[in-house]
C-alpha atoms as a PDB file:
ATOM      1  CA  UNK A   1      -0.229   0.059   0.279  1.00  0.00           C
ATOM      2  CA  UNK A   2       3.276   2.336  -0.034  1.00  0.00           C
ATOM      3  CA  UNK A   3       3.030   3.781  -3.417  1.00  0.00           C
ATOM      4  CA  UNK A   4      -1.261   4.846  -2.288  1.00  0.00           C
ATOM      5  CA  UNK A   5      -0.076   5.754   1.183  1.00  0.00           C
ATOM      6  CA  UNK A   6       2.784   7.701   1.000  1.00  0.00           C
ATOM      7  CA  UNK A   7       1.993  11.452  -0.408  1.00  0.00           C
ATOM      8  CA  UNK A   8      -1.037  10.988   1.483  1.00  0.00           C
ATOM      9  CA  UNK A   9       0.680  11.069   4.821  1.00  0.00           C
ATOM     10  CA  UNK A  10       2.284  14.092   3.543  1.00  0.00           C
ATOM     11  CA  UNK A  11      -1.305  15.734   2.729  1.00  0.00           C
ATOM     12  CA  UNK A  12      -2.861  14.575   6.118  1.00  0.00           C
ATOM     13  CA  UNK A  13       0.306  17.019   7.875  1.00  0.00           C
ATOM     14  CA  UNK A  14      -0.791  20.009   5.533  1.00  0.00           C
ATOM     15  CA  UNK A  15      -4.434  18.934   7.372  1.00  0.00           C
ATOM     16  CA  UNK A  16      -3.778  18.436  10.548  1.00  0.00           C
ATOM     17  CA  UNK A  17      -2.072  22.052  10.068  1.00  0.00           C
ATOM     18  CA  UNK A  18      -5.348  23.287   9.300  1.00  0.00           C
ATOM     19  CA  UNK A  19      -3.215  24.089   5.902  1.00  0.00           C
ATOM     20  CA  UNK A  20      -5.903  23.419   3.305  1.00  0.00           C
ATOM     21  CA  UNK A  21      -4.953  25.600   0.624  1.00  0.00           C
ATOM     22  CA  UNK A  22      -0.686  24.529   0.646  1.00  0.00           C
ATOM     23  CA  UNK A  23      -1.686  21.317  -0.444  1.00  0.00           C
ATOM     24  CA  UNK A  24       0.074  20.827  -3.783  1.00  0.00           C
ATOM     25  CA  UNK A  25      -1.798  19.401  -6.649  1.00  0.00           C
ATOM     26  CA  UNK A  26      -0.222  16.237  -6.351  1.00  0.00           C
ATOM     27  CA  UNK A  27      -0.597  15.698  -2.932  1.00  0.00           C
ATOM     28  CA  UNK A  28      -3.950  16.631  -3.137  1.00  0.00           C
ATOM     29  CA  UNK A  29      -4.933  14.244  -5.480  1.00  0.00           C
ATOM     30  CA  UNK A  30      -3.074  11.311  -2.890  1.00  0.00           C
ATOM     31  CA  UNK A  31      -5.311  12.417  -0.387  1.00  0.00           C
ATOM     32  CA  UNK A  32      -8.294  11.619  -2.147  1.00  0.00           C
ATOM     33  CA  UNK A  33      -7.910   8.428  -3.391  1.00  0.00           C
ATOM     34  CA  UNK A  34      -6.249   7.587  -0.039  1.00  0.00           C
ATOM     35  CA  UNK A  35      -9.795   7.793   1.325  1.00  0.00           C
ATOM     36  CA  UNK A  36     -11.331   6.022  -1.675  1.00  0.00           C
ATOM     37  CA  UNK A  37      -9.113   3.365  -0.284  1.00  0.00           C
ATOM     38  CA  UNK A  38     -10.675   3.538   3.186  1.00  0.00           C
ATOM     39  CA  UNK A  39     -13.813   2.871   1.567  1.00  0.00           C
ATOM     40  CA  UNK A  40     -11.914  -0.615  -0.026  1.00  0.00           C
ATOM     41  CA  UNK A  41      -9.179  -1.757   2.028  1.00  0.00           C
ATOM     42  CA  UNK A  42     -10.552  -2.895   5.071  1.00  0.00           C
ATOM     43  CA  UNK A  43      -9.159  -5.858   6.460  1.00  0.00           C
ATOM     44  CA  UNK A  44     -12.477  -7.958   6.184  1.00  0.00           C
ATOM     45  CA  UNK A  45     -12.302  -6.786   2.367  1.00  0.00           C
ATOM     46  CA  UNK A  46      -8.972  -8.116   1.780  1.00  0.00           C
ATOM     47  CA  UNK A  47      -9.547 -11.231   3.360  1.00  0.00           C
ATOM     48  CA  UNK A  48     -12.663 -11.624   1.469  1.00  0.00           C
ATOM     49  CA  UNK A  49     -10.596 -10.720  -2.115  1.00  0.00           C
ATOM     50  CA  UNK A  50      -7.504 -13.334  -0.716  1.00  0.00           C
ATOM     51  CA  UNK A  51     -10.300 -15.666  -0.118  1.00  0.00           C
ATOM     52  CA  UNK A  52     -11.564 -15.812  -3.700  1.00  0.00           C
ATOM     53  CA  UNK A  53      -8.366 -15.719  -4.913  1.00  0.00           C
ATOM     54  CA  UNK A  54      -7.393 -18.620  -2.653  1.00  0.00           C
ATOM     55  CA  UNK A  55     -11.140 -20.180  -3.804  1.00  0.00           C
ATOM     56  CA  UNK A  56     -12.493 -19.236  -6.619  1.00  0.00           C
ATOM     57  CA  UNK A  57     -15.396 -19.679  -8.407  1.00  0.00           C
ATOM     58  CA  UNK A  58     -16.057 -21.551 -12.407  1.00  0.00           C
ATOM     59  CA  UNK A  59     -15.193 -18.232 -13.602  1.00  0.00           C
ATOM     60  CA  UNK A  60     -12.859 -17.125 -12.339  1.00  0.00           C
ATOM     61  CA  UNK A  61     -10.249 -19.716 -12.708  1.00  0.00           C
ATOM     62  CA  UNK A  62     -11.963 -19.697 -16.119  1.00  0.00           C
ATOM     63  CA  UNK A  63     -10.056 -15.321 -16.262  1.00  0.00           C
ATOM     64  CA  UNK A  64      -7.170 -16.909 -14.198  1.00  0.00           C
ATOM     65  CA  UNK A  65      -6.374 -19.072 -16.609  1.00  0.00           C
ATOM     66  CA  UNK A  66      -7.472 -17.138 -19.695  1.00  0.00           C
ATOM     67  CA  UNK A  67      -4.939 -14.193 -17.947  1.00  0.00           C
ATOM     68  CA  UNK A  68      -1.764 -16.757 -17.492  1.00  0.00           C
ATOM     69  CA  UNK A  69      -2.454 -17.846 -20.796  1.00  0.00           C
ATOM     70  CA  UNK A  70      -2.995 -21.279 -19.150  1.00  0.00           C
ATOM     71  CA  UNK A  71       0.324 -21.639 -17.859  1.00  0.00           C
ATOM     72  CA  UNK A  72      -0.952 -21.190 -14.391  1.00  0.00           C
ATOM     73  CA  UNK A  73      -3.665 -22.088 -12.111  1.00  0.00           C
ATOM     74  CA  UNK A  74      -4.880 -20.932  -8.728  1.00  0.00           C
ATOM     75  CA  UNK A  75      -3.356 -23.890  -6.847  1.00  0.00           C
ATOM     76  CA  UNK A  76       0.016 -23.139  -8.572  1.00  0.00           C
ATOM     77  CA  UNK A  77       0.418 -20.230  -6.588  1.00  0.00           C
ATOM     78  CA  UNK A  78       1.653 -19.934  -3.079  1.00  0.00           C
ATOM     79  CA  UNK A  79      -0.241 -18.329  -0.038  1.00  0.00           C
ATOM     80  CA  UNK A  80       2.240 -15.679  -0.064  1.00  0.00           C
ATOM     81  CA  UNK A  81       2.131 -14.938  -3.376  1.00  0.00           C
ATOM     82  CA  UNK A  82      -1.424 -15.176  -3.365  1.00  0.00           C
ATOM     83  CA  UNK A  83      -1.841 -12.174  -0.425  1.00  0.00           C
ATOM     84  CA  UNK A  84       0.345 -10.619  -2.349  1.00  0.00           C
ATOM     85  CA  UNK A  85      -1.580 -10.563  -5.734  1.00  0.00           C
ATOM     86  CA  UNK A  86      -5.020  -9.440  -2.945  1.00  0.00           C
ATOM     87  CA  UNK A  87      -3.103  -6.600  -1.680  1.00  0.00           C
ATOM     88  CA  UNK A  88      -2.554  -5.668  -5.644  1.00  0.00           C
ATOM     89  CA  UNK A  89      -6.051  -6.040  -6.897  1.00  0.00           C
ATOM     90  CA  UNK A  90      -6.921  -3.373  -4.030  1.00  0.00           C
ATOM     91  CA  UNK A  91      -4.854  -1.135  -4.712  1.00  0.00           C
ATOM     92  CA  UNK A  92      -5.984  -1.591  -9.034  1.00  0.00           C
ATOM     93  CA  UNK A  93      -8.997  -0.720  -7.398  1.00  0.00           C
ATOM     94  CA  UNK A  94      -8.537   1.773  -5.049  1.00  0.00           C
ATOM     95  CA  UNK A  95      -6.651   3.978  -8.353  1.00  0.00           C
ATOM     96  CA  UNK A  96      -9.553   2.790 -10.991  1.00  0.00           C
ATOM     97  CA  UNK A  97     -13.039   3.791  -9.761  1.00  0.00           C
ATOM     98  CA  UNK A  98     -12.500   7.839 -10.817  1.00  0.00           C
ATOM     99  CA  UNK A  99     -14.186   8.866  -7.343  1.00  0.00           C
ATOM    100  CA  UNK A 100     -10.898  10.094  -6.197  1.00  0.00           C
ATOM    101  CA  UNK A 101     -11.408  12.830  -9.275  1.00  0.00           C
ATOM    102  CA  UNK A 102     -14.817  13.645  -7.788  1.00  0.00           C
ATOM    103  CA  UNK A 103     -12.993  14.603  -3.943  1.00  0.00           C
ATOM    104  CA  UNK A 104     -10.730  16.152  -6.105  1.00  0.00           C
ATOM    105  CA  UNK A 105     -12.635  18.717  -6.848  1.00  0.00           C
ATOM    106  CA  UNK A 106     -14.815  19.270  -3.911  1.00  0.00           C
ATOM    107  CA  UNK A 107     -14.845  22.012  -1.516  1.00  0.00           C
ATOM    108  CA  UNK A 108     -12.635  20.708   1.610  1.00  0.00           C
ATOM    109  CA  UNK A 109     -12.244  21.928   5.086  1.00  0.00           C
ATOM    110  CA  UNK A 110     -11.353  21.421   8.293  1.00  0.00           C
ATOM    111  CA  UNK A 111     -13.688  21.631  11.577  1.00  0.00           C
ATOM    112  CA  UNK A 112     -11.904  21.634  14.863  1.00  0.00           C
ATOM    113  CA  UNK A 113     -13.402  20.497  17.789  1.00  0.00           C
ATOM    114  CA  UNK A 114     -13.799  23.433  20.280  1.00  0.00           C
ATOM    115  CA  UNK A 115     -15.499  22.024  23.578  1.00  0.00           C
ATOM    116  CA  UNK A 116     -13.399  19.482  25.577  1.00  0.00           C
ATOM    117  CA  UNK A 117     -16.771  17.133  26.426  1.00  0.00           C
ATOM    118  CA  UNK A 118     -17.139  15.913  22.896  1.00  0.00           C
ATOM    119  CA  UNK A 119     -14.901  13.937  21.101  1.00  0.00           C
ATOM    120  CA  UNK A 120     -14.900  11.635  17.317  1.00  0.00           C
ATOM    121  CA  UNK A 121     -15.019   8.286  17.463  1.00  0.00           C
ATOM    122  CA  UNK A 122     -13.141   6.218  14.815  1.00  0.00           C
ATOM    123  CA  UNK A 123     -13.588   2.332  12.912  1.00  0.00           C
ATOM    124  CA  UNK A 124     -12.170   0.299  10.478  1.00  0.00           C
ATOM    125  CA  UNK A 125     -14.815   2.245   8.426  1.00  0.00           C
ATOM    126  CA  UNK A 126     -14.426   6.459   9.346  1.00  0.00           C
ATOM    127  CA  UNK A 127     -15.383   7.713   5.964  1.00  0.00           C
ATOM    128  CA  UNK A 128     -18.996   8.673   5.716  1.00  0.00           C
ATOM    129  CA  UNK A 129     -20.604  10.068   2.816  1.00  0.00           C
ATOM    130  CA  UNK A 130     -24.272  11.849   2.223  1.00  0.00           C
ATOM    131  CA  UNK A 131     -26.418  12.495  -1.058  1.00  0.00           C
ATOM    132  CA  UNK A 132     -24.041  11.209  -3.526  1.00  0.00           C
ATOM    133  CA  UNK A 133     -20.777  12.994  -3.432  1.00  0.00           C
ATOM    134  CA  UNK A 134     -20.922  13.864  -6.738  1.00  0.00           C
ATOM    135  CA  UNK A 135     -24.551  16.030  -6.813  1.00  0.00           C
ATOM    136  CA  UNK A 136     -25.748  18.932  -4.860  1.00  0.00           C
ATOM    137  CA  UNK A 137     -26.003  18.450  -1.368  1.00  0.00           C
ATOM    138  CA  UNK A 138     -23.054  15.986  -1.105  1.00  0.00           C
ATOM    139  CA  UNK A 139     -20.363  15.965   1.133  1.00  0.00           C
ATOM    140  CA  UNK A 140     -17.609  14.011   2.889  1.00  0.00           C
ATOM    141  CA  UNK A 141     -16.397  13.304   6.271  1.00  0.00           C
ATOM    142  CA  UNK A 142     -13.692  11.475   7.924  1.00  0.00           C
ATOM    143  CA  UNK A 143     -12.698  11.896  11.393  1.00  0.00           C
ATOM    144  CA  UNK A 144      -8.823  12.524  11.853  1.00  0.00           C
ATOM    145  CA  UNK A 145      -8.074  12.589  15.552  1.00  0.00           C
ATOM    146  CA  UNK A 146     -10.850  13.019  18.667  1.00  0.00           C
ATOM    147  CA  UNK A 147     -10.933  16.679  17.800  1.00  0.00           C
ATOM    148  CA  UNK A 148     -10.514  17.634  13.848  1.00  0.00           C
ATOM    149  CA  UNK A 149     -12.951  16.335  11.270  1.00  0.00           C
ATOM    150  CA  UNK A 150     -11.877  16.344   7.521  1.00  0.00           C
ATOM    151  CA  UNK A 151     -15.115  17.361   5.263  1.00  0.00           C
ATOM    152  CA  UNK A 152     -15.609  18.094   1.421  1.00  0.00           C
ATOM    153  CA  UNK A 153     -18.446  19.671   0.125  1.00  0.00           C
ATOM    154  CA  UNK A 154     -20.256  19.213  -3.201  1.00  0.00           C
ATOM    155  CA  UNK A 155     -21.512  22.675  -2.772  1.00  0.00           C
ATOM    156  CA  UNK A 156     -21.430  25.929  -1.278  1.00  0.00           C
ATOM    157  CA  UNK A 157     -24.503  26.031   0.135  1.00  0.00           C
ATOM    158  CA  UNK A 158     -24.661  22.284   1.790  1.00  0.00           C
ATOM    159  CA  UNK A 159     -21.107  23.729   3.324  1.00  0.00           C
ATOM    160  CA  UNK A 160     -23.181  26.442   4.312  1.00  0.00           C
ATOM    161  CA  UNK A 161     -25.547  24.543   6.353  1.00  0.00           C
ATOM    162  CA  UNK A 162     -23.000  22.364   7.767  1.00  0.00           C
ATOM    163  CA  UNK A 163     -21.855  25.286   9.844  1.00  0.00           C
ATOM    164  CA  UNK A 164     -25.104  26.180  11.811  1.00  0.00           C
ATOM    165  CA  UNK A 165     -25.076  23.189  13.026  1.00  0.00           C
ATOM    166  CA  UNK A 166     -23.792  22.601  16.974  1.00  0.00           C
ATOM    167  CA  UNK A 167     -21.023  20.798  17.929  1.00  0.00           C
ATOM    168  CA  UNK A 168     -22.910  18.095  19.561  1.00  0.00           C
ATOM    169  CA  UNK A 169     -24.948  17.681  16.351  1.00  0.00           C
ATOM    170  CA  UNK A 170     -22.213  17.149  14.627  1.00  0.00           C
ATOM    171  CA  UNK A 171     -20.430  14.852  16.629  1.00  0.00           C
ATOM    172  CA  UNK A 172     -23.381  12.949  17.882  1.00  0.00           C
ATOM    173  CA  UNK A 173     -24.166  12.132  14.084  1.00  0.00           C
ATOM    174  CA  UNK A 174     -20.487  11.287  13.191  1.00  0.00           C
ATOM    175  CA  UNK A 175     -19.798   8.777  15.918  1.00  0.00           C
ATOM    176  CA  UNK A 176     -23.184   7.520  15.556  1.00  0.00           C
ATOM    177  CA  UNK A 177     -22.260   6.521  11.244  1.00  0.00           C
ATOM    178  CA  UNK A 178     -18.995   5.618  11.966  1.00  0.00           C
ATOM    179  CA  UNK A 179     -19.686   2.508  14.907  1.00  0.00           C
ATOM    180  CA  UNK A 180     -22.658   2.030  13.184  1.00  0.00           C
ATOM    181  CA  UNK A 181     -21.216   1.445   9.636  1.00  0.00           C
ATOM    182  CA  UNK A 182     -17.766  -0.566  11.320  1.00  0.00           C
ATOM    183  CA  UNK A 183     -17.122  -3.642  10.095  1.00  0.00           C
ATOM    184  CA  UNK A 184     -15.593  -4.355  13.173  1.00  0.00           C
ATOM    185  CA  UNK A 185     -13.929  -2.778  14.871  1.00  0.00           C
ATOM    186  CA  UNK A 186     -14.339   1.237  16.258  1.00  0.00           C
ATOM    187  CA  UNK A 187     -12.013   3.388  18.830  1.00  0.00           C
ATOM    188  CA  UNK A 188     -12.065   6.267  21.377  1.00  0.00           C
ATOM    189  CA  UNK A 189      -9.771   7.491  23.528  1.00  0.00           C
ATOM    190  CA  UNK A 190     -11.430   6.663  26.770  1.00  0.00           C
ATOM    191  CA  UNK A 191     -13.853   3.870  27.687  1.00  0.00           C
ATOM    192  CA  UNK A 192     -16.844   6.455  28.512  1.00  0.00           C
ATOM    193  CA  UNK A 193     -18.222   5.820  25.158  1.00  0.00           C
ATOM    194  CA  UNK A 194     -18.054   2.077  25.540  1.00  0.00           C
ATOM    195  CA  UNK A 195     -21.559   1.180  26.479  1.00  0.00           C
ATOM    196  CA  UNK A 196     -22.813   3.046  23.536  1.00  0.00           C
ATOM    197  CA  UNK A 197     -20.077   1.038  21.434  1.00  0.00           C
ATOM    198  CA  UNK A 198     -20.786  -1.813  22.445  1.00  0.00           C
ATOM    199  CA  UNK A 199     -24.634  -1.189  21.483  1.00  0.00           C
ATOM    200  CA  UNK A 200     -24.292   0.054  17.828  1.00  0.00           C
ATOM    201  CA  UNK A 201     -21.096  -1.705  16.868  1.00  0.00           C
ATOM    202  CA  UNK A 202     -21.737  -2.393  13.215  1.00  0.00           C
ATOM    203  CA  UNK A 203     -25.178  -2.132  13.131  1.00  0.00           C
ATOM    204  CA  UNK A 204     -25.063  -1.276   9.745  1.00  0.00           C
ATOM    205  CA  UNK A 205     -22.454  -2.586   8.518  1.00  0.00           C
ATOM    206  CA  UNK A 206     -24.011  -5.564   5.929  1.00  0.00           C
ATOM    207  CA  UNK A 207     -25.451  -1.830   4.193  1.00  0.00           C
ATOM    208  CA  UNK A 208     -23.988  -1.069   0.655  1.00  0.00           C
ATOM    209  CA  UNK A 209     -21.137   1.237   0.827  1.00  0.00           C
ATOM    210  CA  UNK A 210     -22.352   3.091  -2.345  1.00  0.00           C
ATOM    211  CA  UNK A 211     -19.616   5.333  -3.113  1.00  0.00           C
ATOM    212  CA  UNK A 212     -20.571   5.568  -6.572  1.00  0.00           C
ATOM    213  CA  UNK A 213     -23.974   7.127  -5.954  1.00  0.00           C
ATOM    214  CA  UNK A 214     -24.428  10.134  -7.899  1.00  0.00           C
ATOM    215  CA  UNK A 215     -21.366  10.224  -9.713  1.00  0.00           C
ATOM    216  CA  UNK A 216     -23.034   9.334 -13.412  1.00  0.00           C
END
């Protein structure tokens, strides 16, 4: 995942300094791609790709045979080689969606939480998208720390509407989506929200994360 993550780590440094405008174009693109990657590269998704490569359907076996011109079949690959190929498949998926181009053109901003009584939670599915990111009203958010939230808006009106919301409303909405759509794991800085997390963890994990909605 290094090629996907390296420049995104640089973008993260700019964002944590609240320097959205200072992000170079190539670094901004890397951050957009990284956000798409967070939707695709959860441990569960990577394991699913690996399992499908280890136990392909008849159709998938035919595809592998065609790609290798009949020279290799799934059983000819070692477990380690198959794991590497699964990661390469995920990387190709991340680079091939085109969704990062939409994110890159959105209006980016950072929300800093002032209240010491509130904090953002995170999980293994931390990216929240609503209303189809490619259409009016669409927006994206992901917690970067217990007190900082990255946001991208499709239009200025949606951004203005967000700014009118209270800190408590924003935190409750973000934490609800992050925890309920988590696949297996969620994190906080203390045990205070433990009961809430135990009650809501993965409650909506089976819902499709339809990040292609509204792009066409």
